[in-house]
């Protein structure tokens, strides 16, 4: 188990006060501003139940370094709550100012000063730390960059020998296409709703080049429909899986 860093401890301790401040602002706003169309702003809370449900039932894991498995994955999903934190935090301060105006008029400047100090303290804490989303990118790109460089060096000359489509998953190693200078519009990937399924049922007819990673849908399609395909090369990725590139004999690489 990795020891918590000073930054991680600060994040752990500071997260809950921000959450409670946001909840307080929501309650205060709903109680005092409901007739001013405040209800619409409650939609800013939708990401919380949505991602809680997605993590529980939708196979959408979120890893942060202060909780097991002490890693970074999908941490960017927390960014959707920033508008709620900003709006309802300010709503809470505005509500306190409104209460103080009637009961302790002299407390207003002190409340504003406390809010400004909290904002400055939060900003200083962020300056000391690398944002989690950037930490995720750095941690997860160490091995991916090497794989994408190797893939790009292999794909680039092959893609120039044909004008046909390339069948591959693009969500895992999109940087390989960027490095090789291959536009996404030339690929048939999992984002092509109508073409993807048809291409997997007959890879040789769908594309000139087929890029398959062990265990992926393209690799499974090649196993089920190997006819018309010729294996060109095999690349071993850093995680131990193999990436295989096939040429279609029906749209042969010239």
Protein backbone atom coordinates (compact mmCIF):
# COMPACT_ATOMS: atom_id res chain seq x y z
CA UNK A 1 0.00 0.00 0.00
CA UNK A 2 1.45 3.33 -1.01
CA UNK A 3 1.87 5.89 1.74
CA UNK A 4 -0.23 9.02 1.46
CA UNK A 5 1.71 12.07 0.36
CA UNK A 6 1.27 15.49 1.94
CA UNK A 7 -0.66 16.59 -1.13
CA UNK A 8 -2.94 13.55 -0.95
CA UNK A 9 -3.65 14.18 2.73
CA UNK A 10 -4.50 17.81 1.96
CA UNK A 11 -6.87 16.73 -0.80
CA UNK A 12 -8.43 14.17 1.56
CA UNK A 13 -9.00 16.75 4.31
CA UNK A 14 -10.07 19.64 2.10
CA UNK A 15 -12.54 17.72 -0.07
CA UNK A 16 -15.20 17.23 2.61
CA UNK A 17 -15.41 20.91 3.72
CA UNK A 18 -15.91 21.88 0.08
CA UNK A 19 -18.65 19.28 -0.25
CA UNK A 20 -20.40 20.44 2.93
CA UNK A 21 -20.14 24.06 1.82
CA UNK A 22 -21.76 23.10 -1.48
CA UNK A 23 -24.53 21.18 0.28
CA UNK A 24 -25.10 24.13 2.61
CA UNK A 25 -25.35 26.49 -0.34
CA UNK A 26 -27.82 24.19 -2.05
CA UNK A 27 -30.07 24.01 0.99
CA UNK A 28 -29.82 27.74 1.63
CA UNK A 29 -30.53 28.56 -1.99
CA UNK A 30 -33.47 26.19 -2.19
CA UNK A 31 -34.96 27.61 1.00
CA UNK A 32 -34.61 31.30 0.15
CA UNK A 33 -34.56 31.54 -3.65
CA UNK A 34 -36.95 28.81 -4.78
CA UNK A 35 -39.41 31.28 -6.29
CA UNK A 36 -36.65 32.82 -8.41
CA UNK A 37 -36.23 29.76 -10.63
CA UNK A 38 -33.50 28.38 -8.39
CA UNK A 39 -34.80 24.86 -8.99
CA UNK A 40 -33.12 24.71 -12.41
CA UNK A 41 -29.68 25.05 -10.82
CA UNK A 42 -30.22 21.77 -8.96
CA UNK A 43 -29.50 20.06 -12.28
CA UNK A 44 -25.83 20.83 -11.56
CA UNK A 45 -25.97 17.95 -9.04
CA UNK A 46 -26.86 15.43 -11.76
CA UNK A 47 -23.25 14.26 -12.35
CA UNK A 48 -23.07 12.93 -8.77
CA UNK A 49 -25.84 10.30 -9.01
CA UNK A 50 -25.04 9.67 -12.67
CA UNK A 51 -21.43 8.68 -12.04
CA UNK A 52 -22.26 6.88 -8.80
CA UNK A 53 -24.68 4.73 -10.80
CA UNK A 54 -22.13 4.33 -13.62
CA UNK A 55 -19.43 3.15 -11.22
CA UNK A 56 -21.80 0.72 -9.49
CA UNK A 57 -23.59 -0.71 -12.51
CA UNK A 58 -22.04 0.62 -15.70
CA UNK A 59 -18.45 -0.66 -15.54
CA UNK A 60 -17.04 2.86 -15.26
CA UNK A 61 -14.28 2.68 -12.62
CA UNK A 62 -12.81 5.82 -11.10
CA UNK A 63 -9.46 5.54 -9.30
CA UNK A 64 -7.93 8.35 -7.23
CA UNK A 65 -4.59 8.12 -5.40
CA UNK A 66 -5.94 8.48 -1.86
CA UNK A 67 -8.23 5.42 -2.11
CA UNK A 68 -7.55 1.82 -3.13
CA UNK A 69 -6.14 0.84 -5.62
CA UNK A 70 -4.21 4.14 -5.19
CA UNK A 71 -4.01 4.95 -8.87
CA UNK A 72 -5.33 7.39 -11.46
CA UNK A 73 -8.10 6.47 -13.85
CA UNK A 74 -11.08 8.47 -15.08
CA UNK A 75 -10.41 11.20 -12.49
CA UNK A 76 -11.58 13.79 -15.01
CA UNK A 77 -15.16 12.75 -14.33
CA UNK A 78 -15.06 14.77 -11.12
CA UNK A 79 -14.69 17.96 -13.15
CA UNK A 80 -18.42 17.95 -13.90
CA UNK A 81 -19.09 18.96 -10.29
CA UNK A 82 -17.03 22.15 -10.50
CA UNK A 83 -20.00 24.33 -11.58
CA UNK A 84 -21.99 23.07 -8.59
CA UNK A 85 -19.12 23.76 -6.19
CA UNK A 86 -18.65 27.27 -7.59
CA UNK A 87 -22.32 28.28 -7.67
CA UNK A 88 -23.54 26.74 -4.43
CA UNK A 89 -20.43 27.74 -2.51
CA UNK A 90 -21.08 31.35 -3.50
CA UNK A 91 -24.77 30.88 -2.67
CA UNK A 92 -23.86 29.79 0.84
CA UNK A 93 -21.68 32.86 1.39
CA UNK A 94 -24.46 35.09 0.02
CA UNK A 95 -26.95 33.46 2.40
CA UNK A 96 -24.66 34.05 5.40
CA UNK A 97 -24.25 37.68 4.36
CA UNK A 98 -28.02 38.03 4.16
CA UNK A 99 -28.48 36.58 7.65
CA UNK A 100 -25.67 38.74 9.06
CA UNK A 101 -27.16 41.88 7.52
CA UNK A 102 -30.22 41.61 9.72
CA UNK A 103 -28.59 40.31 12.89
CA UNK A 104 -24.98 41.54 12.89
CA UNK A 105 -24.42 44.24 10.25
CA UNK A 106 -20.77 44.65 11.16
CA UNK A 107 -19.96 41.02 10.40
CA UNK A 108 -20.35 41.40 6.64
CA UNK A 109 -16.77 42.52 5.87
CA UNK A 110 -15.40 39.71 8.06
CA UNK A 111 -17.45 37.12 6.20
CA UNK A 112 -16.22 38.42 2.85
CA UNK A 113 -12.63 38.42 4.14
CA UNK A 114 -13.00 34.81 5.35
CA UNK A 115 -14.33 33.76 1.93
CA UNK A 116 -11.45 35.49 0.15
CA UNK A 117 -8.92 33.82 2.48
CA UNK A 118 -10.50 30.43 1.80
CA UNK A 119 -10.23 31.01 -1.95
CA UNK A 120 -6.59 32.10 -1.62
CA UNK A 121 -5.79 29.09 0.57
CA UNK A 122 -7.34 26.76 -1.93
CA UNK A 123 -5.42 28.42 -4.78
CA UNK A 124 -2.11 28.09 -2.90
CA UNK A 125 -2.82 24.41 -2.23
CA UNK A 126 -3.48 23.83 -5.93
CA UNK A 127 -0.27 25.63 -6.90
CA UNK A 128 1.70 23.22 -4.70
CA UNK A 129 0.19 20.15 -6.32
CA UNK A 130 -0.09 18.71 -9.81
CA UNK A 131 -3.79 18.50 -10.80
CA UNK A 132 -5.14 14.96 -10.58
CA UNK A 133 -6.20 14.91 -14.22
CA UNK A 134 -2.63 15.81 -15.26
CA UNK A 135 -1.21 13.20 -12.86
CA UNK A 136 -3.42 10.61 -14.55
CA UNK A 137 -2.18 11.62 -17.99
CA UNK A 138 1.47 11.45 -16.89
CA UNK A 139 1.13 8.10 -15.08
CA UNK A 140 -0.83 6.38 -17.83
CA UNK A 141 1.24 7.73 -20.71
CA UNK A 142 4.60 6.31 -19.62
CA UNK A 143 4.10 2.93 -21.29
CA UNK A 144 1.48 4.08 -23.79
CA UNK A 145 3.87 6.54 -25.45
CA UNK A 146 6.37 3.77 -26.21
CA UNK A 147 3.64 1.52 -27.64
CA UNK A 148 2.23 4.33 -29.77
CA UNK A 149 5.66 5.23 -31.14
CA UNK A 150 6.22 1.62 -32.21
CA UNK A 151 2.73 1.35 -33.69
CA UNK A 152 3.15 4.61 -35.60
CA UNK A 153 6.47 3.55 -37.12
CA UNK A 154 4.83 0.35 -38.36
CA UNK A 155 1.52 1.83 -39.51
CA UNK A 156 2.92 4.83 -41.35
CA UNK A 157 4.58 3.02 -44.29
CA UNK A 158 1.76 0.46 -44.53
CA UNK A 159 -0.93 3.14 -44.65
CA UNK A 160 0.86 4.92 -47.49
CA UNK A 161 0.71 1.80 -49.64
CA UNK A 162 -3.06 1.78 -49.75
CA UNK A 163 -5.90 4.26 -49.80
CA UNK A 164 -8.36 1.88 -48.16
CA UNK A 165 -9.84 2.08 -44.69
CA UNK A 166 -8.13 0.89 -41.52
CA UNK A 167 -10.17 -1.22 -39.09
CA UNK A 168 -9.02 -0.70 -35.49
CA UNK A 169 -10.04 0.41 -32.03
CA UNK A 170 -9.01 4.01 -31.52
CA UNK A 171 -9.94 4.59 -27.88
CA UNK A 172 -6.83 2.95 -26.43
CA UNK A 173 -4.01 4.18 -28.67
CA UNK A 174 -5.23 7.21 -30.64
CA UNK A 175 -1.76 8.75 -30.38
CA UNK A 176 -0.42 6.12 -32.78
CA UNK A 177 -2.60 7.49 -35.55
CA UNK A 178 -1.61 11.06 -34.74
CA UNK A 179 2.09 10.20 -34.83
CA UNK A 180 1.68 8.31 -38.09
CA UNK A 181 -0.26 11.17 -39.70
CA UNK A 182 -3.36 9.03 -40.28
CA UNK A 183 -6.65 10.95 -39.95
CA UNK A 184 -9.40 9.38 -37.86
CA UNK A 185 -11.83 9.71 -40.76
CA UNK A 186 -9.83 7.03 -42.55
CA UNK A 187 -10.48 4.46 -39.82
CA UNK A 188 -13.46 2.30 -39.02
CA UNK A 189 -13.55 2.36 -35.24
CA UNK A 190 -15.88 1.72 -32.32
CA UNK A 191 -17.29 5.23 -32.69
CA UNK A 192 -18.74 4.43 -36.11
CA UNK A 193 -22.09 3.12 -34.99
CA UNK A 194 -23.33 1.77 -38.32
CA UNK A 195 -20.04 0.66 -39.89
CA UNK A 196 -18.39 -0.95 -36.85
CA UNK A 197 -20.64 -3.97 -36.47
CA UNK A 198 -20.70 -4.69 -40.19
CA UNK A 199 -16.91 -4.40 -40.41
CA UNK A 200 -16.39 -6.87 -37.56
CA UNK A 201 -18.59 -9.41 -39.32
CA UNK A 202 -16.41 -9.27 -42.46
CA UNK A 203 -13.04 -7.55 -41.82
CA UNK A 204 -11.52 -8.43 -45.20
CA UNK A 205 -14.25 -6.66 -47.14
CA UNK A 206 -14.48 -3.69 -44.78
CA UNK A 207 -10.88 -2.47 -44.72
CA UNK A 208 -7.48 -2.72 -46.35
CA UNK A 209 -5.61 -2.88 -43.04
CA UNK A 210 -6.83 -4.49 -39.85
CA UNK A 211 -5.18 -3.63 -36.54
CA UNK A 212 -6.04 -6.13 -33.80
CA UNK A 213 -4.97 -6.13 -30.14
CA UNK A 214 -5.23 -9.40 -28.20
CA UNK A 215 -8.57 -9.70 -26.45
CA UNK A 216 -10.17 -6.81 -28.31
CA UNK A 217 -13.22 -6.92 -30.58
CA UNK A 218 -11.13 -6.65 -33.75
CA UNK A 219 -8.95 -9.59 -32.67
CA UNK A 220 -12.06 -11.61 -31.90
CA UNK A 221 -13.51 -10.71 -35.30
CA UNK A 222 -10.33 -11.87 -37.02
CA UNK A 223 -10.52 -15.21 -35.18
CA UNK A 224 -14.10 -15.69 -36.30
CA UNK A 225 -13.60 -14.42 -39.86
CA UNK A 226 -9.94 -15.00 -40.89
CA UNK A 227 -10.77 -15.55 -44.53
CA UNK A 228 -9.18 -13.09 -46.91
CA UNK A 229 -6.67 -11.79 -44.36
CA UNK A 230 -2.86 -11.94 -44.44
CA UNK A 231 -0.79 -11.33 -41.31
CA UNK A 232 1.81 -8.64 -41.97
CA UNK A 233 3.47 -8.08 -38.61
CA UNK A 234 3.18 -8.62 -34.86
CA UNK A 235 4.07 -6.01 -32.23
CA UNK A 236 4.42 -6.93 -28.56
CA UNK A 237 3.01 -4.19 -26.34
CA UNK A 238 4.50 -3.28 -22.98
CA UNK A 239 1.62 -4.92 -21.12
CA UNK A 240 2.42 -8.29 -22.72
CA UNK A 241 -0.36 -8.28 -25.30
CA UNK A 242 0.31 -8.64 -28.99
CA UNK A 243 -0.88 -6.25 -31.67
CA UNK A 244 -1.30 -7.85 -35.09
CA UNK A 245 -1.66 -6.00 -38.38
CA UNK A 246 -3.36 -7.78 -41.24
CA UNK A 247 -3.81 -6.90 -44.89
CA UNK A 248 -6.96 -7.74 -46.77
CA UNK A 249 -6.35 -9.84 -49.88
CA UNK A 250 -9.56 -8.45 -51.28
CA UNK A 251 -8.15 -4.93 -50.98
CA UNK A 252 -4.49 -5.88 -51.03
CA UNK A 253 -1.72 -3.56 -49.92
CA UNK A 254 0.06 -2.64 -53.12
